Amino acid sequence: MYNWDGSGDRDSNSDLYFNVSLNGETYTFTVESYLCDNTTDVYAAVEALQVGDVIDAEGFLYWYEGVNPHITTITKAE
């Protein structure tokens, strides 16, 4: 989803939000466009994710009204 509320798009270089599930829990991850914009591999990799894909992700935790994982590297597991 582009922007936290779906109001953005690729052309406006919006942040990307996506859900990841593990062990019955779902977490929302973010690709901040000021760190990894729409010209980066991580931005394109997140855009290409499909439900059921298994991924490896790296990033850092940011705290704003709760934990916000900010992703800086992502690869789809083979």
PDB file of N, CA and C in Angstrom:
ATOM      1  N   MET A   1       0.857  -1.159   0.000  1.00  0.00           N
ATOM      2  CA  MET A   1       0.000   0.000   0.000  1.00  0.00           C
ATOM      3  C   MET A   1       0.908   1.229   0.000  1.00  0.00           C
ATOM      4  N   TYR A   2       0.576   2.192  -0.809  1.00  0.00           N
ATOM      5  CA  TYR A   2       1.330   3.439  -0.861  1.00  0.00           C
ATOM      6  C   TYR A   2       0.764   4.404   0.175  1.00  0.00           C
ATOM      7  N   ASN A   3       1.638   4.918   1.028  1.00  0.00           N
ATOM      8  CA  ASN A   3       1.266   5.745   2.183  1.00  0.00           C
ATOM      9  C   ASN A   3       0.484   4.900   3.185  1.00  0.00           C
ATOM     10  N   TRP A   4       0.426   5.352   4.388  1.00  0.00           N
ATOM     11  CA  TRP A   4      -0.212   4.577   5.463  1.00  0.00           C
ATOM     12  C   TRP A   4      -1.698   4.376   5.225  1.00  0.00           C
ATOM     13  N   ASP A   5      -2.307   5.240   4.426  1.00  0.00           N
ATOM     14  CA  ASP A   5      -3.759   5.154   4.210  1.00  0.00           C
ATOM     15  C   ASP A   5      -4.130   4.801   2.771  1.00  0.00           C
ATOM     16  N   GLY A   6      -3.124   4.433   1.953  1.00  0.00           N
ATOM     17  CA  GLY A   6      -3.398   4.070   0.572  1.00  0.00           C
ATOM     18  C   GLY A   6      -3.563   5.244  -0.373  1.00  0.00           C
ATOM     19  N   SER A   7      -3.264   6.445   0.082  1.00  0.00           N
ATOM     20  CA  SER A   7      -3.512   7.646  -0.709  1.00  0.00           C
ATOM     21  C   SER A   7      -2.378   7.997  -1.678  1.00  0.00           C
ATOM     22  N   GLY A   8      -1.255   7.292  -1.608  1.00  0.00           N
ATOM     23  CA  GLY A   8      -0.112   7.639  -2.441  1.00  0.00           C
ATOM     24  C   GLY A   8      -0.011   6.798  -3.692  1.00  0.00           C
ATOM     25  N   ASP A   9       1.104   6.964  -4.380  1.00  0.00           N
ATOM     26  CA  ASP A   9       1.385   6.146  -5.560  1.00  0.00           C
ATOM     27  C   ASP A   9       2.881   6.149  -5.826  1.00  0.00           C
ATOM     28  N   ARG A  10       3.291   5.284  -6.740  1.00  0.00           N
ATOM     29  CA  ARG A  10       4.708   5.147  -7.075  1.00  0.00           C
ATOM     30  C   ARG A  10       5.269   6.458  -7.619  1.00  0.00           C
ATOM     31  N   ASP A  11       4.515   7.105  -8.478  1.00  0.00           N
ATOM     32  CA  ASP A  11       4.998   8.322  -9.124  1.00  0.00           C
ATOM     33  C   ASP A  11       5.276   9.460  -8.143  1.00  0.00           C
ATOM     34  N   SER A  12       4.579   9.477  -7.028  1.00  0.00           N
ATOM     35  CA  SER A  12       4.828  10.519  -6.034  1.00  0.00           C
ATOM     36  C   SER A  12       5.859  10.078  -4.991  1.00  0.00           C
ATOM     37  N   ASN A  13       6.496   8.892  -5.251  1.00  0.00           N
ATOM     38  CA  ASN A  13       7.544   8.384  -4.360  1.00  0.00           C
ATOM     39  C   ASN A  13       7.033   8.207  -2.930  1.00  0.00           C
ATOM     40  N   SER A  14       5.860   7.635  -2.784  1.00  0.00           N
ATOM     41  CA  SER A  14       5.242   7.438  -1.472  1.00  0.00           C
ATOM     42  C   SER A  14       5.929   6.323  -0.692  1.00  0.00           C
ATOM     43  N   ASP A  15       5.822   6.389   0.639  1.00  0.00           N
ATOM     44  CA  ASP A  15       6.269   5.288   1.485  1.00  0.00           C
ATOM     45  C   ASP A  15       5.442   4.050   1.141  1.00  0.00           C
ATOM     46  N   LEU A  16       6.055   2.867   1.305  1.00  0.00           N
ATOM     47  CA  LEU A  16       5.341   1.608   1.090  1.00  0.00           C
ATOM     48  C   LEU A  16       5.048   0.946   2.422  1.00  0.00           C
ATOM     49  N   TYR A  17       3.849   0.455   2.589  1.00  0.00           N
ATOM     50  CA  TYR A  17       3.452  -0.301   3.779  1.00  0.00           C
ATOM     51  C   TYR A  17       3.009  -1.676   3.330  1.00  0.00           C
ATOM     52  N   PHE A  18       3.474  -2.723   4.040  1.00  0.00           N
ATOM     53  CA  PHE A  18       3.064  -4.073   3.695  1.00  0.00           C
ATOM     54  C   PHE A  18       3.027  -4.926   4.955  1.00  0.00           C
ATOM     55  N   ASN A  19       2.180  -5.937   4.941  1.00  0.00           N
ATOM     56  CA  ASN A  19       2.011  -6.816   6.093  1.00  0.00           C
ATOM     57  C   ASN A  19       2.830  -8.082   5.921  1.00  0.00           C
ATOM     58  N   VAL A  20       3.384  -8.539   7.041  1.00  0.00           N
ATOM     59  CA  VAL A  20       4.145  -9.773   7.088  1.00  0.00           C
ATOM     60  C   VAL A  20       3.574 -10.599   8.233  1.00  0.00           C
ATOM     61  N   SER A  21       3.314 -11.872   7.961  1.00  0.00           N
ATOM     62  CA  SER A  21       2.783 -12.768   8.995  1.00  0.00           C
ATOM     63  C   SER A  21       3.822 -13.813   9.353  1.00  0.00           C
ATOM     64  N   LEU A  22       3.910 -14.096  10.644  1.00  0.00           N
ATOM     65  CA  LEU A  22       4.816 -15.108  11.159  1.00  0.00           C
ATOM     66  C   LEU A  22       4.200 -15.699  12.423  1.00  0.00           C
ATOM     67  N   ASN A  23       4.085 -17.004  12.463  1.00  0.00           N
ATOM     68  CA  ASN A  23       3.571 -17.719  13.640  1.00  0.00           C
ATOM     69  C   ASN A  23       2.215 -17.184  14.099  1.00  0.00           C
ATOM     70  N   GLY A  24       1.333 -16.893  13.156  1.00  0.00           N
ATOM     71  CA  GLY A  24      -0.007 -16.455  13.488  1.00  0.00           C
ATOM     72  C   GLY A  24      -0.145 -14.987  13.843  1.00  0.00           C
ATOM     73  N   GLU A  25       0.941 -14.240  13.828  1.00  0.00           N
ATOM     74  CA  GLU A  25       0.915 -12.800  14.104  1.00  0.00           C
ATOM     75  C   GLU A  25       1.169 -12.036  12.809  1.00  0.00           C
ATOM     76  N   THR A  26       0.532 -10.874  12.662  1.00  0.00           N
ATOM     77  CA  THR A  26       0.738 -10.037  11.482  1.00  0.00           C
ATOM     78  C   THR A  26       1.346  -8.707  11.908  1.00  0.00           C
ATOM     79  N   TYR A  27       2.383  -8.301  11.172  1.00  0.00           N
ATOM     80  CA  TYR A  27       3.109  -7.074  11.462  1.00  0.00           C
ATOM     81  C   TYR A  27       3.106  -6.184  10.220  1.00  0.00           C
ATOM     82  N   THR A  28       3.033  -4.896  10.404  1.00  0.00           N
ATOM     83  CA  THR A  28       3.110  -3.958   9.293  1.00  0.00           C
ATOM     84  C   THR A  28       4.530  -3.429   9.194  1.00  0.00           C
ATOM     85  N   PHE A  29       5.134  -3.588   8.018  1.00  0.00           N
ATOM     86  CA  PHE A  29       6.485  -3.106   7.736  1.00  0.00           C
ATOM     87  C   PHE A  29       6.379  -1.893   6.823  1.00  0.00           C
ATOM     88  N   THR A  30       7.407  -1.049   6.852  1.00  0.00           N
ATOM     89  CA  THR A  30       7.421   0.171   6.045  1.00  0.00           C
ATOM     90  C   THR A  30       8.734   0.302   5.288  1.00  0.00           C
ATOM     91  N   VAL A  31       8.641   0.737   4.043  1.00  0.00           N
ATOM     92  CA  VAL A  31       9.803   1.197   3.290  1.00  0.00           C
ATOM     93  C   VAL A  31       9.653   2.704   3.202  1.00  0.00           C
ATOM     94  N   GLU A  32      10.490   3.408   3.940  1.00  0.00           N
ATOM     95  CA  GLU A  32      10.447   4.870   3.945  1.00  0.00           C
ATOM     96  C   GLU A  32      11.100   5.392   2.672  1.00  0.00           C
ATOM     97  N   SER A  33      10.380   6.174   1.917  1.00  0.00           N
ATOM     98  CA  SER A  33      10.896   6.637   0.627  1.00  0.00           C
ATOM     99  C   SER A  33      12.094   7.566   0.768  1.00  0.00           C
ATOM    100  N   TYR A  34      12.253   8.220   1.905  1.00  0.00           N
ATOM    101  CA  TYR A  34      13.433   9.070   2.064  1.00  0.00           C
ATOM    102  C   TYR A  34      14.691   8.241   2.281  1.00  0.00           C
ATOM    103  N   LEU A  35      14.545   6.960   2.653  1.00  0.00           N
ATOM    104  CA  LEU A  35      15.687   6.058   2.801  1.00  0.00           C
ATOM    105  C   LEU A  35      15.884   5.196   1.553  1.00  0.00           C
ATOM    106  N   CYS A  36      14.797   4.672   1.026  1.00  0.00           N
ATOM    107  CA  CYS A  36      14.806   3.769  -0.129  1.00  0.00           C
ATOM    108  C   CYS A  36      13.684   4.210  -1.060  1.00  0.00           C
ATOM    109  N   ASP A  37      14.002   5.103  -1.972  1.00  0.00           N
ATOM    110  CA  ASP A  37      12.953   5.681  -2.819  1.00  0.00           C
ATOM    111  C   ASP A  37      12.533   4.751  -3.957  1.00  0.00           C
ATOM    112  N   ASN A  38      11.670   5.255  -4.822  1.00  0.00           N
ATOM    113  CA  ASN A  38      11.091   4.416  -5.862  1.00  0.00           C
ATOM    114  C   ASN A  38      12.071   4.035  -6.968  1.00  0.00           C
ATOM    115  N   THR A  39      13.333   4.430  -6.844  1.00  0.00           N
ATOM    116  CA  THR A  39      14.356   4.013  -7.803  1.00  0.00           C
ATOM    117  C   THR A  39      15.230   2.879  -7.263  1.00  0.00           C
ATOM    118  N   THR A  40      14.976   2.428  -6.024  1.00  0.00           N
ATOM    119  CA  THR A  40      15.832   1.422  -5.392  1.00  0.00           C
ATOM    120  C   THR A  40      15.310   0.007  -5.586  1.00  0.00           C
ATOM    121  N   ASP A  41      16.220  -0.949  -5.425  1.00  0.00           N
ATOM    122  CA  ASP A  41      15.861  -2.366  -5.531  1.00  0.00           C
ATOM    123  C   ASP A  41      14.869  -2.783  -4.450  1.00  0.00           C
ATOM    124  N   VAL A  42      15.019  -2.252  -3.231  1.00  0.00           N
ATOM    125  CA  VAL A  42      14.119  -2.650  -2.139  1.00  0.00           C
ATOM    126  C   VAL A  42      12.693  -2.181  -2.422  1.00  0.00           C
ATOM    127  N   TYR A  43      12.526  -1.009  -2.961  1.00  0.00           N
ATOM    128  CA  TYR A  43      11.194  -0.484  -3.308  1.00  0.00           C
ATOM    129  C   TYR A  43      10.552  -1.383  -4.358  1.00  0.00           C
ATOM    130  N   ALA A  44      11.311  -1.722  -5.402  1.00  0.00           N
ATOM    131  CA  ALA A  44      10.788  -2.589  -6.461  1.00  0.00           C
ATOM    132  C   ALA A  44      10.482  -3.990  -5.939  1.00  0.00           C
ATOM    133  N   ALA A  45      11.326  -4.503  -5.051  1.00  0.00           N
ATOM    134  CA  ALA A  45      11.104  -5.841  -4.505  1.00  0.00           C
ATOM    135  C   ALA A  45       9.810  -5.902  -3.697  1.00  0.00           C
ATOM    136  N   VAL A  46       9.531  -4.876  -2.912  1.00  0.00           N
ATOM    137  CA  VAL A  46       8.291  -4.845  -2.124  1.00  0.00           C
ATOM    138  C   VAL A  46       7.083  -4.727  -3.051  1.00  0.00           C
ATOM    139  N   GLU A  47       7.194  -3.908  -4.077  1.00  0.00           N
ATOM    140  CA  GLU A  47       6.087  -3.777  -5.031  1.00  0.00           C
ATOM    141  C   GLU A  47       5.769  -5.107  -5.710  1.00  0.00           C
ATOM    142  N   ALA A  48       6.757  -5.961  -5.888  1.00  0.00           N
ATOM    143  CA  ALA A  48       6.576  -7.234  -6.588  1.00  0.00           C
ATOM    144  C   ALA A  48       6.115  -8.372  -5.685  1.00  0.00           C
ATOM    145  N   LEU A  49       6.059  -8.155  -4.372  1.00  0.00           N
ATOM    146  CA  LEU A  49       5.658  -9.229  -3.454  1.00  0.00           C
ATOM    147  C   LEU A  49       4.233  -9.690  -3.722  1.00  0.00           C
ATOM    148  N   GLN A  50       4.030 -10.993  -3.551  1.00  0.00           N
ATOM    149  CA  GLN A  50       2.718 -11.601  -3.684  1.00  0.00           C
ATOM    150  C   GLN A  50       2.366 -12.290  -2.360  1.00  0.00           C
ATOM    151  N   VAL A  51       1.085 -12.421  -2.089  1.00  0.00           N
ATOM    152  CA  VAL A  51       0.641 -13.132  -0.888  1.00  0.00           C
ATOM    153  C   VAL A  51       1.232 -14.536  -0.925  1.00  0.00           C
ATOM    154  N   GLY A  52       1.827 -14.937   0.186  1.00  0.00           N
ATOM    155  CA  GLY A  52       2.428 -16.261   0.298  1.00  0.00           C
ATOM    156  C   GLY A  52       3.925 -16.284   0.066  1.00  0.00           C
ATOM    157  N   ASP A  53       4.498 -15.194  -0.453  1.00  0.00           N
ATOM    158  CA  ASP A  53       5.949 -15.132  -0.637  1.00  0.00           C
ATOM    159  C   ASP A  53       6.648 -15.218   0.710  1.00  0.00           C
ATOM    160  N   VAL A  54       7.775 -15.883   0.715  1.00  0.00           N
ATOM    161  CA  VAL A  54       8.622 -15.958   1.907  1.00  0.00           C
ATOM    162  C   VAL A  54       9.782 -15.007   1.667  1.00  0.00           C
ATOM    163  N   ILE A  55      10.059 -14.158   2.667  1.00  0.00           N
ATOM    164  CA  ILE A  55      11.082 -13.124   2.491  1.00  0.00           C
ATOM    165  C   ILE A  55      12.111 -13.133   3.613  1.00  0.00           C
ATOM    166  N   ASP A  56      13.249 -12.545   3.313  1.00  0.00           N
ATOM    167  CA  ASP A  56      14.237 -12.153   4.309  1.00  0.00           C
ATOM    168  C   ASP A  56      14.255 -10.631   4.277  1.00  0.00           C
ATOM    169  N   ALA A  57      14.156  -9.996   5.422  1.00  0.00           N
ATOM    170  CA  ALA A  57      14.111  -8.538   5.475  1.00  0.00           C
ATOM    171  C   ALA A  57      15.092  -8.031   6.525  1.00  0.00           C
ATOM    172  N   GLU A  58      15.703  -6.890   6.220  1.00  0.00           N
ATOM    173  CA  GLU A  58      16.588  -6.214   7.160  1.00  0.00           C
ATOM    174  C   GLU A  58      16.127  -4.777   7.279  1.00  0.00           C
ATOM    175  N   GLY A  59      16.356  -4.203   8.437  1.00  0.00           N
ATOM    176  CA  GLY A  59      15.992  -2.818   8.653  1.00  0.00           C
ATOM    177  C   GLY A  59      16.243  -2.427  10.083  1.00  0.00           C
ATOM    178  N   PHE A  60      15.431  -1.499  10.576  1.00  0.00           N
ATOM    179  CA  PHE A  60      15.569  -1.044  11.950  1.00  0.00           C
ATOM    180  C   PHE A  60      14.183  -0.737  12.496  1.00  0.00           C
ATOM    181  N   LEU A  61      14.082  -0.698  13.811  1.00  0.00           N
ATOM    182  CA  LEU A  61      12.816  -0.380  14.459  1.00  0.00           C
ATOM    183  C   LEU A  61      12.770   1.098  14.800  1.00  0.00           C
ATOM    184  N   TYR A  62      11.659   1.679  14.476  1.00  0.00           N
ATOM    185  CA  TYR A  62      11.381   3.079  14.766  1.00  0.00           C
ATOM    186  C   TYR A  62      10.135   3.091  15.641  1.00  0.00           C
ATOM    187  N   TRP A  63      10.084   3.923  16.628  1.00  0.00           N
ATOM    188  CA  TRP A  63       8.933   3.961  17.529  1.00  0.00           C
ATOM    189  C   TRP A  63       8.113   5.207  17.266  1.00  0.00           C
ATOM    190  N   TYR A  64       6.879   5.012  16.799  1.00  0.00           N
ATOM    191  CA  TYR A  64       5.920   6.099  16.671  1.00  0.00           C
ATOM    192  C   TYR A  64       4.545   5.490  16.857  1.00  0.00           C
ATOM    193  N   GLU A  65       3.953   5.770  17.992  1.00  0.00           N
ATOM    194  CA  GLU A  65       2.668   5.157  18.346  1.00  0.00           C
ATOM    195  C   GLU A  65       2.746   3.638  18.226  1.00  0.00           C
ATOM    196  N   GLY A  66       3.874   3.093  18.624  1.00  0.00           N
ATOM    197  CA  GLY A  66       4.119   1.656  18.565  1.00  0.00           C
ATOM    198  C   GLY A  66       5.313   1.361  17.684  1.00  0.00           C
ATOM    199  N   VAL A  67       5.659   0.092  17.606  1.00  0.00           N
ATOM    200  CA  VAL A  67       6.820  -0.348  16.838  1.00  0.00           C
ATOM    201  C   VAL A  67       6.531  -0.232  15.351  1.00  0.00           C
ATOM    202  N   ASN A  68       7.476   0.354  14.615  1.00  0.00           N
ATOM    203  CA  ASN A  68       7.375   0.501  13.158  1.00  0.00           C
ATOM    204  C   ASN A  68       8.662  -0.023  12.520  1.00  0.00           C
ATOM    205  N   PRO A  69       8.652  -1.269  12.026  1.00  0.00           N
ATOM    206  CA  PRO A  69       9.847  -1.780  11.349  1.00  0.00           C
ATOM    207  C   PRO A  69      10.037  -1.078  10.009  1.00  0.00           C
ATOM    208  N   HIS A  70      11.204  -0.468   9.820  1.00  0.00           N
ATOM    209  CA  HIS A  70      11.542   0.223   8.576  1.00  0.00           C
ATOM    210  C   HIS A  70      12.520  -0.665   7.813  1.00  0.00           C
ATOM    211  N   ILE A  71      12.127  -1.126   6.654  1.00  0.00           N
ATOM    212  CA  ILE A  71      12.889  -2.084   5.880  1.00  0.00           C
ATOM    213  C   ILE A  71      13.841  -1.367   4.937  1.00  0.00           C
ATOM    214  N   THR A  72      15.105  -1.831   4.926  1.00  0.00           N
ATOM    215  CA  THR A  72      16.117  -1.256   4.055  1.00  0.00           C
ATOM    216  C   THR A  72      16.679  -2.271   3.055  1.00  0.00           C
ATOM    217  N   THR A  73      16.429  -3.552   3.304  1.00  0.00           N
ATOM    218  CA  THR A  73      16.850  -4.623   2.400  1.00  0.00           C
ATOM    219  C   THR A  73      15.796  -5.722   2.447  1.00  0.00           C
ATOM    220  N   ILE A  74      15.436  -6.253   1.283  1.00  0.00           N
ATOM    221  CA  ILE A  74      14.477  -7.344   1.242  1.00  0.00           C
ATOM    222  C   ILE A  74      14.818  -8.276   0.088  1.00  0.00           C
ATOM    223  N   THR A  75      14.761  -9.572   0.350  1.00  0.00           N
ATOM    224  CA  THR A  75      14.944 -10.563  -0.686  1.00  0.00           C
ATOM    225  C   THR A  75      13.858 -11.609  -0.559  1.00  0.00           C
ATOM    226  N   LYS A  76      13.418 -12.101  -1.684  1.00  0.00           N
ATOM    227  CA  LYS A  76      12.435 -13.177  -1.694  1.00  0.00           C
ATOM    228  C   LYS A  76      13.179 -14.488  -1.594  1.00  0.00           C
ATOM    229  N   ALA A  77      12.802 -15.310  -0.614  1.00  0.00           N
ATOM    230  CA  ALA A  77      13.449 -16.605  -0.418  1.00  0.00           C
ATOM    231  C   ALA A  77      13.061 -17.547  -1.561  1.00  0.00           C
ATOM    232  N   GLU A  78      14.008 -18.323  -1.988  1.00  0.00           N
ATOM    233  CA  GLU A  78      13.749 -19.280  -3.084  1.00  0.00           C
ATOM    234  C   GLU A  78      13.402 -20.628  -2.527  1.00  0.00           C
TER     235      GLU A  78
END
